Amino acid sequence: MGILDWLISFASGTLYGGAVMLIALAAAIPYGAWQGLRWLAKKLPGGSHGDARTGR
């Protein structure tokens, strides 16, 4: 577990590691939100392309 401990301390303890983590989170959080919205749109009535029925 020596290399794992070193990687964790590097990622959280250095300026470079912190910058890499910040950039990764800045990219991952909006992407995850976008994927969640796409998933939710598919689950709602009408699917991901909307509901084009006239109501009759």
N, C-alpha and C. Protein backbone atom coordinates (compact mmCIF):
# COMPACT_ATOMS: atom_id res chain seq x y z
N MET A 1 0.82 -1.20 0.00
CA MET A 1 0.00 0.00 0.00
C MET A 1 0.86 1.26 0.00
N GLY A 2 2.15 1.13 -0.15
CA GLY A 2 3.02 2.28 -0.11
C GLY A 2 2.77 3.26 -1.24
N ILE A 3 2.59 2.74 -2.46
CA ILE A 3 2.38 3.62 -3.60
C ILE A 3 1.01 4.31 -3.52
N LEU A 4 0.00 3.60 -3.00
CA LEU A 4 -1.33 4.19 -2.87
C LEU A 4 -1.31 5.33 -1.85
N ASP A 5 -0.66 5.10 -0.74
CA ASP A 5 -0.54 6.17 0.27
C ASP A 5 0.21 7.37 -0.29
N TRP A 6 1.26 7.11 -1.06
CA TRP A 6 2.02 8.20 -1.66
C TRP A 6 1.17 8.99 -2.64
N LEU A 7 0.38 8.29 -3.47
CA LEU A 7 -0.47 8.98 -4.44
C LEU A 7 -1.53 9.83 -3.76
N ILE A 8 -2.12 9.30 -2.69
CA ILE A 8 -3.14 10.07 -1.97
C ILE A 8 -2.53 11.31 -1.34
N SER A 9 -1.37 11.17 -0.73
CA SER A 9 -0.74 12.33 -0.10
C SER A 9 -0.28 13.33 -1.16
N PHE A 10 0.17 12.85 -2.31
CA PHE A 10 0.59 13.75 -3.38
C PHE A 10 -0.60 14.52 -3.93
N ALA A 11 -1.72 13.82 -4.14
CA ALA A 11 -2.89 14.47 -4.73
C ALA A 11 -3.51 15.51 -3.81
N SER A 12 -3.37 15.31 -2.51
CA SER A 12 -4.00 16.25 -1.58
C SER A 12 -3.02 17.20 -0.91
N GLY A 13 -1.72 16.92 -1.03
CA GLY A 13 -0.78 17.70 -0.25
C GLY A 13 0.11 18.66 -1.00
N THR A 14 0.15 18.59 -2.31
CA THR A 14 1.03 19.49 -3.05
C THR A 14 0.21 20.48 -3.86
N LEU A 15 0.83 21.56 -4.22
CA LEU A 15 0.15 22.57 -5.03
C LEU A 15 -0.23 22.00 -6.39
N TYR A 16 0.69 21.25 -6.98
CA TYR A 16 0.41 20.65 -8.29
C TYR A 16 -0.72 19.62 -8.18
N GLY A 17 -0.65 18.78 -7.16
CA GLY A 17 -1.70 17.78 -6.96
C GLY A 17 -3.05 18.43 -6.72
N GLY A 18 -3.06 19.51 -5.95
CA GLY A 18 -4.30 20.23 -5.70
C GLY A 18 -4.86 20.86 -6.96
N ALA A 19 -3.97 21.40 -7.80
CA ALA A 19 -4.43 22.00 -9.05
C ALA A 19 -5.01 20.95 -9.99
N VAL A 20 -4.36 19.78 -10.04
CA VAL A 20 -4.88 18.70 -10.90
C VAL A 20 -6.25 18.25 -10.40
N MET A 21 -6.40 18.10 -9.09
CA MET A 21 -7.69 17.69 -8.53
C MET A 21 -8.76 18.75 -8.79
N LEU A 22 -8.40 20.02 -8.67
CA LEU A 22 -9.36 21.10 -8.91
C LEU A 22 -9.82 21.11 -10.36
N ILE A 23 -8.90 20.94 -11.29
CA ILE A 23 -9.25 20.91 -12.70
C ILE A 23 -10.12 19.69 -13.00
N ALA A 24 -9.77 18.54 -12.42
CA ALA A 24 -10.56 17.32 -12.65
C ALA A 24 -11.97 17.48 -12.12
N LEU A 25 -12.12 18.05 -10.94
CA LEU A 25 -13.46 18.26 -10.38
C LEU A 25 -14.23 19.31 -11.16
N ALA A 26 -13.54 20.35 -11.63
CA ALA A 26 -14.21 21.39 -12.41
C ALA A 26 -14.75 20.83 -13.72
N ALA A 27 -14.12 19.80 -14.24
CA ALA A 27 -14.61 19.17 -15.47
C ALA A 27 -15.64 18.08 -15.17
N ALA A 28 -15.47 17.34 -14.10
CA ALA A 28 -16.32 16.19 -13.82
C ALA A 28 -17.69 16.58 -13.28
N ILE A 29 -17.78 17.60 -12.47
CA ILE A 29 -19.06 17.97 -11.86
C ILE A 29 -20.07 18.44 -12.90
N PRO A 30 -19.74 19.37 -13.81
CA PRO A 30 -20.73 19.74 -14.83
C PRO A 30 -21.07 18.59 -15.77
N TYR A 31 -20.10 17.74 -16.08
CA TYR A 31 -20.37 16.60 -16.95
C TYR A 31 -21.34 15.63 -16.27
N GLY A 32 -21.14 15.38 -15.00
CA GLY A 32 -22.04 14.51 -14.25
C GLY A 32 -23.44 15.10 -14.17
N ALA A 33 -23.53 16.40 -13.98
CA ALA A 33 -24.85 17.05 -13.95
C ALA A 33 -25.54 16.94 -15.31
N TRP A 34 -24.79 17.12 -16.39
CA TRP A 34 -25.34 17.01 -17.73
C TRP A 34 -25.85 15.59 -17.99
N GLN A 35 -25.07 14.60 -17.60
CA GLN A 35 -25.49 13.21 -17.80
C GLN A 35 -26.73 12.90 -16.96
N GLY A 36 -26.80 13.44 -15.76
CA GLY A 36 -27.99 13.25 -14.93
C GLY A 36 -29.23 13.88 -15.54
N LEU A 37 -29.09 15.05 -16.12
CA LEU A 37 -30.22 15.69 -16.77
C LEU A 37 -30.67 14.91 -17.99
N ARG A 38 -29.73 14.37 -18.76
CA ARG A 38 -30.09 13.55 -19.92
C ARG A 38 -30.82 12.29 -19.47
N TRP A 39 -30.36 11.67 -18.39
CA TRP A 39 -31.00 10.47 -17.88
C TRP A 39 -32.42 10.80 -17.41
N LEU A 40 -32.57 11.92 -16.72
CA LEU A 40 -33.88 12.33 -16.22
C LEU A 40 -34.83 12.64 -17.37
N ALA A 41 -34.33 13.27 -18.42
CA ALA A 41 -35.18 13.59 -19.56
C ALA A 41 -35.69 12.33 -20.25
N LYS A 42 -34.88 11.29 -20.26
CA LYS A 42 -35.33 10.03 -20.86
C LYS A 42 -36.38 9.34 -20.01
N LYS A 43 -36.34 9.53 -18.69
CA LYS A 43 -37.27 8.87 -17.79
C LYS A 43 -38.61 9.60 -17.70
N LEU A 44 -38.64 10.87 -18.02
CA LEU A 44 -39.89 11.63 -17.95
C LEU A 44 -40.78 11.29 -19.13
N PRO A 45 -42.09 11.46 -18.98
CA PRO A 45 -43.00 11.19 -20.11
C PRO A 45 -42.63 12.03 -21.33
N GLY A 46 -42.64 11.41 -22.49
CA GLY A 46 -42.29 12.11 -23.71
C GLY A 46 -40.90 11.78 -24.19
N GLY A 47 -40.09 11.14 -23.38
CA GLY A 47 -38.74 10.75 -23.79
C GLY A 47 -37.82 11.94 -23.95
N SER A 48 -36.71 11.73 -24.62
CA SER A 48 -35.72 12.79 -24.75
C SER A 48 -36.01 13.70 -25.93
N HIS A 49 -37.02 13.37 -26.75
CA HIS A 49 -37.33 14.19 -27.92
C HIS A 49 -38.60 15.02 -27.72
N GLY A 50 -39.12 15.04 -26.53
CA GLY A 50 -40.31 15.83 -26.26
C GLY A 50 -41.58 15.05 -26.57
N ASP A 51 -42.71 15.67 -26.33
CA ASP A 51 -44.00 15.03 -26.54
C ASP A 51 -44.73 15.82 -27.63
N ALA A 52 -44.84 15.25 -28.83
CA ALA A 52 -45.44 15.94 -29.95
C ALA A 52 -46.90 15.59 -30.16
N ARG A 53 -47.51 14.87 -29.22
CA ARG A 53 -48.93 14.50 -29.37
C ARG A 53 -49.82 15.73 -29.25
N THR A 54 -50.94 15.70 -29.94
CA THR A 54 -51.86 16.83 -29.92
C THR A 54 -52.83 16.78 -28.75
N GLY A 55 -52.91 15.66 -28.06
CA GLY A 55 -53.80 15.56 -26.92
C GLY A 55 -55.13 14.93 -27.27
N ARG A 56 -55.31 14.51 -28.51
CA ARG A 56 -56.58 13.89 -28.91
C ARG A 56 -56.54 12.40 -28.77
